[in-house]
Amino acid sequence: MKNCPPQFEADAVALYRSRAEATIRQVAADPGISPETLRNWVRAAGASRPRGRRAEAPAEPPTPWEAENAALRKKVRELEEGREILRKAAKCFAGETCR
């Protein structure tokens, strides 16, 4: 993937930023790029993820149903983002216009 469209790179970097708990290797596996390529794109974009705690802990711990629901929603969001990146990449490599 030497000549990836800029939008594909931007989408991959956005996916990295949105998945704070995932490693670069895990994020790079979704769109099928090498971890080093993603690492270079992230550095070039100046993207970073927030460090430390994002928010104060809730007063009450979530119920098991709430925790499972939150985890499932997060997984759906990650899968949808990965699918969108793969869809765009497939169009680009099939010779269609890359957007």
Protein backbone atom coordinates (compact mmCIF):
# COMPACT_ATOMS: atom_id res chain seq x y z
CA MET A 1 0.00 0.00 0.00
CA LYS A 2 2.51 2.58 -1.07
CA ASN A 3 0.02 4.93 -2.67
CA CYS A 4 -2.93 5.06 -0.32
CA PRO A 5 -5.34 7.92 -0.81
CA PRO A 6 -5.14 10.66 1.83
CA GLN A 7 -8.71 9.97 2.94
CA PHE A 8 -7.86 6.33 3.67
CA GLU A 9 -4.91 7.46 5.78
CA ALA A 10 -7.07 10.01 7.61
CA ASP A 11 -9.71 7.35 8.29
CA ALA A 12 -7.12 4.94 9.66
CA VAL A 13 -5.71 7.65 11.95
CA ALA A 14 -9.24 8.52 13.11
CA LEU A 15 -9.87 4.86 13.88
CA TYR A 16 -6.67 4.78 15.96
CA ARG A 17 -7.72 7.87 17.90
CA SER A 18 -11.22 6.52 18.56
CA ARG A 19 -10.00 3.27 20.07
CA ALA A 20 -8.09 4.43 23.12
CA GLU A 21 -7.65 0.96 24.62
CA ALA A 22 -6.34 -0.66 21.43
CA THR A 23 -2.72 -0.90 20.36
CA ILE A 24 -1.48 0.30 16.98
CA ARG A 25 -1.07 -3.34 15.96
CA GLN A 26 -4.74 -4.08 16.78
CA VAL A 27 -6.01 -1.00 14.96
CA ALA A 28 -3.82 -1.64 11.91
CA ALA A 29 -5.21 -5.16 11.57
CA ASP A 30 -8.74 -3.86 10.88
CA PRO A 31 -8.00 -2.08 7.58
CA GLY A 32 -5.22 -4.55 6.75
CA ILE A 33 -2.22 -2.24 6.92
CA SER A 34 1.08 -2.80 8.65
CA PRO A 35 1.45 -1.42 12.17
CA GLU A 36 4.50 0.57 11.10
CA THR A 37 2.54 2.24 8.30
CA LEU A 38 -0.20 3.26 10.71
CA ARG A 39 2.41 4.45 13.23
CA ASN A 40 3.98 6.66 10.55
CA TRP A 41 0.58 8.08 9.53
CA VAL A 42 -0.27 8.81 13.16
CA ARG A 43 3.04 10.60 13.69
CA ALA A 44 2.65 12.57 10.46
CA ALA A 45 -0.87 13.62 11.45
CA GLY A 46 0.33 14.66 14.89
CA ALA A 47 -2.47 12.56 16.33
CA SER A 48 -2.36 11.48 19.91
CA ARG A 49 -4.79 9.97 22.32
CA PRO A 50 -5.63 11.45 25.69
CA ARG A 51 -3.60 9.97 28.49
CA GLY A 52 -4.87 9.09 31.91
CA ARG A 53 -8.45 9.23 33.04
CA ARG A 54 -11.02 10.73 30.73
CA ALA A 55 -13.71 11.39 33.29
CA GLU A 56 -14.45 10.88 36.92
CA ALA A 57 -15.68 7.45 37.89
CA PRO A 58 -19.47 7.26 38.24
CA ALA A 59 -20.92 7.30 41.74
CA GLU A 60 -22.45 3.86 41.29
CA PRO A 61 -20.87 1.08 39.28
CA PRO A 62 -22.91 0.12 36.23
CA THR A 63 -25.15 -2.90 36.47
CA PRO A 64 -24.02 -5.96 34.53
CA TRP A 65 -26.62 -5.20 31.84
CA GLU A 66 -25.43 -1.61 31.48
CA ALA A 67 -21.81 -2.70 31.31
CA GLU A 68 -22.58 -5.34 28.68
CA ASN A 69 -24.70 -2.89 26.68
CA ALA A 70 -21.91 -0.28 26.73
CA ALA A 71 -19.33 -2.86 25.66
CA LEU A 72 -21.54 -4.08 22.82
CA ARG A 73 -22.24 -0.54 21.59
CA LYS A 74 -18.52 0.18 21.61
CA LYS A 75 -17.78 -3.01 19.66
CA VAL A 76 -20.47 -2.17 17.09
CA ARG A 77 -18.99 1.31 16.65
CA GLU A 78 -15.49 -0.13 16.15
CA LEU A 79 -16.73 -2.70 13.64
CA GLU A 80 -18.70 -0.09 11.70
CA GLU A 81 -15.63 2.17 11.49
CA GLY A 82 -13.45 -0.72 10.34
CA ARG A 83 -16.03 -1.80 7.77
CA GLU A 84 -16.24 1.73 6.37
CA ILE A 85 -12.46 1.91 5.99
CA LEU A 86 -12.36 -1.49 4.29
CA ARG A 87 -15.22 -0.48 1.97
CA LYS A 88 -13.35 2.66 0.92
CA ALA A 89 -10.10 0.74 0.45
CA ALA A 90 -11.83 -1.88 -1.69
CA LYS A 91 -13.23 0.83 -3.95
CA CYS A 92 -9.82 2.43 -4.31
CA PHE A 93 -8.07 -0.80 -5.15
CA ALA A 94 -10.84 -1.77 -7.58
CA GLY A 95 -10.04 1.35 -9.59
CA GLU A 96 -13.02 3.42 -8.53
CA THR A 97 -12.73 7.00 -7.39
CA CYS A 98 -11.25 7.28 -3.91
CA ARG A 99 -13.14 9.58 -1.59
